[in-house]
Amino acid sequence: MANGKIRQILHFYQENFNEDIGLIKAETLLDYFIELIGDDIYNQALDDASDHFKKQLGEIQLYYYDLYRGERR
């Protein structure tokens, strides 16, 4: 997986800065940004998953109460 990301970094750097960088510099950039924002991305993904499951649970509860009260949609 990281190998493909390294190629994307190399390509991005060439396209945007018209400069070739080596693999070590590209790997260092990737490692730096993962260290810098990795926890924030991970935590946001957890929050997004939690929100999704809360929404799903809310819908399931509505269906449950519809059945419990004998109502049908």
N, C-alpha and C. Protein backbone atom coordinates (compact mmCIF):
# COMPACT_ATOMS: atom_id res chain seq x y z
N MET A 1 0.82 -1.19 0.00
CA MET A 1 0.00 0.00 0.00
C MET A 1 0.86 1.25 0.00
N ALA A 2 1.84 1.31 0.89
CA ALA A 2 2.66 2.53 1.00
C ALA A 2 3.43 2.78 -0.29
N ASN A 3 3.81 1.71 -0.98
CA ASN A 3 4.57 1.88 -2.21
C ASN A 3 3.80 2.69 -3.25
N GLY A 4 2.51 2.42 -3.37
CA GLY A 4 1.67 3.20 -4.29
C GLY A 4 1.53 4.64 -3.84
N LYS A 5 1.46 4.85 -2.54
CA LYS A 5 1.37 6.22 -2.01
C LYS A 5 2.66 6.98 -2.27
N ILE A 6 3.79 6.29 -2.18
CA ILE A 6 5.09 6.92 -2.45
C ILE A 6 5.13 7.38 -3.90
N ARG A 7 4.66 6.53 -4.81
CA ARG A 7 4.62 6.92 -6.23
C ARG A 7 3.72 8.14 -6.44
N GLN A 8 2.61 8.19 -5.71
CA GLN A 8 1.72 9.34 -5.83
C GLN A 8 2.38 10.61 -5.31
N ILE A 9 3.13 10.49 -4.24
CA ILE A 9 3.86 11.65 -3.72
C ILE A 9 4.90 12.12 -4.72
N LEU A 10 5.63 11.18 -5.31
CA LEU A 10 6.63 11.53 -6.32
C LEU A 10 5.98 12.26 -7.49
N HIS A 11 4.86 11.74 -7.96
CA HIS A 11 4.14 12.34 -9.07
C HIS A 11 3.60 13.73 -8.69
N PHE A 12 3.00 13.83 -7.51
CA PHE A 12 2.46 15.11 -7.04
C PHE A 12 3.56 16.17 -6.98
N TYR A 13 4.69 15.80 -6.44
CA TYR A 13 5.78 16.75 -6.28
C TYR A 13 6.28 17.21 -7.66
N GLN A 14 6.37 16.28 -8.59
CA GLN A 14 6.82 16.62 -9.95
C GLN A 14 5.82 17.53 -10.64
N GLU A 15 4.54 17.20 -10.53
CA GLU A 15 3.50 17.98 -11.19
C GLU A 15 3.33 19.37 -10.60
N ASN A 16 3.42 19.49 -9.28
CA ASN A 16 3.13 20.76 -8.62
C ASN A 16 4.33 21.64 -8.40
N PHE A 17 5.50 21.04 -8.26
CA PHE A 17 6.69 21.82 -7.98
C PHE A 17 7.77 21.68 -9.06
N ASN A 18 7.44 20.87 -10.09
CA ASN A 18 8.37 20.65 -11.20
C ASN A 18 9.76 20.25 -10.70
N GLU A 19 9.75 19.36 -9.71
CA GLU A 19 11.00 18.92 -9.11
C GLU A 19 10.89 17.44 -8.79
N ASP A 20 11.92 16.71 -9.12
CA ASP A 20 11.97 15.30 -8.76
C ASP A 20 12.55 15.18 -7.36
N ILE A 21 11.92 14.35 -6.56
CA ILE A 21 12.49 14.04 -5.24
C ILE A 21 12.74 12.54 -5.20
N GLY A 22 13.60 12.11 -4.35
CA GLY A 22 13.91 10.69 -4.25
C GLY A 22 12.93 9.94 -3.37
N LEU A 23 13.09 8.63 -3.39
CA LEU A 23 12.22 7.77 -2.59
C LEU A 23 12.34 8.06 -1.10
N ILE A 24 13.56 8.29 -0.64
CA ILE A 24 13.74 8.54 0.79
C ILE A 24 13.02 9.82 1.21
N LYS A 25 13.12 10.87 0.41
CA LYS A 25 12.43 12.11 0.74
C LYS A 25 10.91 11.91 0.69
N ALA A 26 10.43 11.17 -0.29
CA ALA A 26 8.99 10.92 -0.39
C ALA A 26 8.51 10.10 0.80
N GLU A 27 9.27 9.08 1.20
CA GLU A 27 8.90 8.28 2.36
C GLU A 27 8.94 9.11 3.64
N THR A 28 9.91 9.99 3.73
CA THR A 28 10.01 10.86 4.90
C THR A 28 8.81 11.80 4.98
N LEU A 29 8.41 12.35 3.83
CA LEU A 29 7.22 13.21 3.81
C LEU A 29 5.97 12.44 4.24
N LEU A 30 5.81 11.24 3.71
CA LEU A 30 4.65 10.43 4.08
C LEU A 30 4.66 10.13 5.57
N ASP A 31 5.80 9.70 6.08
CA ASP A 31 5.90 9.40 7.52
C ASP A 31 5.59 10.63 8.36
N TYR A 32 6.09 11.78 7.94
CA TYR A 32 5.85 13.02 8.68
C TYR A 32 4.36 13.36 8.73
N PHE A 33 3.71 13.30 7.58
CA PHE A 33 2.29 13.65 7.56
C PHE A 33 1.43 12.63 8.29
N ILE A 34 1.81 11.37 8.24
CA ILE A 34 1.08 10.36 9.01
C ILE A 34 1.22 10.66 10.50
N GLU A 35 2.44 10.99 10.92
CA GLU A 35 2.67 11.33 12.33
C GLU A 35 1.91 12.60 12.71
N LEU A 36 1.90 13.57 11.81
CA LEU A 36 1.29 14.86 12.08
C LEU A 36 -0.23 14.78 12.19
N ILE A 37 -0.88 14.08 11.26
CA ILE A 37 -2.35 14.10 11.21
C ILE A 37 -2.99 12.73 11.34
N GLY A 38 -2.19 11.69 11.51
CA GLY A 38 -2.73 10.34 11.57
C GLY A 38 -3.77 10.14 12.67
N ASP A 39 -3.45 10.63 13.88
CA ASP A 39 -4.40 10.46 14.99
C ASP A 39 -5.69 11.21 14.74
N ASP A 40 -5.60 12.40 14.15
CA ASP A 40 -6.81 13.18 13.86
C ASP A 40 -7.69 12.46 12.85
N ILE A 41 -7.08 11.90 11.82
CA ILE A 41 -7.85 11.17 10.81
C ILE A 41 -8.49 9.93 11.42
N TYR A 42 -7.73 9.21 12.22
CA TYR A 42 -8.24 8.01 12.88
C TYR A 42 -9.43 8.35 13.77
N ASN A 43 -9.27 9.39 14.60
CA ASN A 43 -10.35 9.78 15.51
C ASN A 43 -11.58 10.26 14.75
N GLN A 44 -11.38 10.99 13.65
CA GLN A 44 -12.51 11.43 12.85
C GLN A 44 -13.24 10.24 12.25
N ALA A 45 -12.50 9.24 11.82
CA ALA A 45 -13.12 8.03 11.28
C ALA A 45 -13.96 7.33 12.35
N LEU A 46 -13.45 7.28 13.58
CA LEU A 46 -14.24 6.69 14.66
C LEU A 46 -15.51 7.49 14.91
N ASP A 47 -15.39 8.82 14.92
CA ASP A 47 -16.58 9.66 15.12
C ASP A 47 -17.59 9.47 14.00
N ASP A 48 -17.10 9.38 12.76
CA ASP A 48 -17.99 9.17 11.62
C ASP A 48 -18.71 7.82 11.73
N ALA A 49 -17.97 6.78 12.12
CA ALA A 49 -18.58 5.46 12.28
C ALA A 49 -19.62 5.48 13.40
N SER A 50 -19.29 6.14 14.50
CA SER A 50 -20.23 6.24 15.62
C SER A 50 -21.51 6.95 15.19
N ASP A 51 -21.37 8.06 14.47
CA ASP A 51 -22.55 8.78 13.98
C ASP A 51 -23.40 7.91 13.07
N HIS A 52 -22.74 7.16 12.20
CA HIS A 52 -23.46 6.28 11.29
C HIS A 52 -24.25 5.23 12.06
N PHE A 53 -23.60 4.60 13.04
CA PHE A 53 -24.28 3.55 13.79
C PHE A 53 -25.39 4.11 14.68
N LYS A 54 -25.20 5.32 15.20
CA LYS A 54 -26.27 5.95 15.99
C LYS A 54 -27.50 6.20 15.11
N LYS A 55 -27.26 6.64 13.88
CA LYS A 55 -28.36 6.87 12.95
C LYS A 55 -29.08 5.56 12.64
N GLN A 56 -28.29 4.52 12.38
CA GLN A 56 -28.88 3.22 12.08
C GLN A 56 -29.67 2.69 13.27
N LEU A 57 -29.12 2.86 14.47
CA LEU A 57 -29.82 2.41 15.66
C LEU A 57 -31.13 3.17 15.84
N GLY A 58 -31.10 4.48 15.57
CA GLY A 58 -32.33 5.27 15.67
C GLY A 58 -33.40 4.75 14.72
N GLU A 59 -33.00 4.40 13.50
CA GLU A 59 -33.96 3.87 12.54
C GLU A 59 -34.50 2.52 12.98
N ILE A 60 -33.63 1.70 13.53
CA ILE A 60 -34.07 0.38 14.02
C ILE A 60 -35.06 0.56 15.16
N GLN A 61 -34.79 1.52 16.05
CA GLN A 61 -35.70 1.76 17.15
C GLN A 61 -37.06 2.24 16.65
N LEU A 62 -37.08 3.06 15.62
CA LEU A 62 -38.36 3.50 15.06
C LEU A 62 -39.15 2.31 14.53
N TYR A 63 -38.49 1.42 13.82
CA TYR A 63 -39.18 0.24 13.31
C TYR A 63 -39.67 -0.64 14.45
N TYR A 64 -38.86 -0.76 15.48
CA TYR A 64 -39.26 -1.55 16.63
C TYR A 64 -40.53 -0.98 17.26
N TYR A 65 -40.54 0.32 17.49
CA TYR A 65 -41.72 0.93 18.12
C TYR A 65 -42.93 0.87 17.21
N ASP A 66 -42.72 0.93 15.91
CA ASP A 66 -43.84 0.75 15.00
C ASP A 66 -44.46 -0.64 15.19
N LEU A 67 -43.61 -1.63 15.32
CA LEU A 67 -44.11 -3.01 15.53
C LEU A 67 -44.72 -3.15 16.92
N TYR A 68 -44.09 -2.59 17.92
CA TYR A 68 -44.55 -2.71 19.30
C TYR A 68 -45.93 -2.12 19.46
N ARG A 69 -46.19 -1.03 18.81
CA ARG A 69 -47.49 -0.36 18.92
C ARG A 69 -48.48 -0.90 17.91
N GLY A 70 -48.04 -1.81 17.08
CA GLY A 70 -48.91 -2.38 16.09
C GLY A 70 -49.08 -1.52 14.86
N GLU A 71 -48.28 -0.47 14.74
CA GLU A 71 -48.37 0.39 13.57
C GLU A 71 -47.57 -0.20 12.42
N ARG A 72 -48.03 0.08 11.21
CA ARG A 72 -47.30 -0.36 10.02
C ARG A 72 -47.06 0.83 9.14
N ARG A 73 -45.96 0.78 8.42
CA ARG A 73 -45.64 1.86 7.49
C ARG A 73 -46.12 1.53 6.12
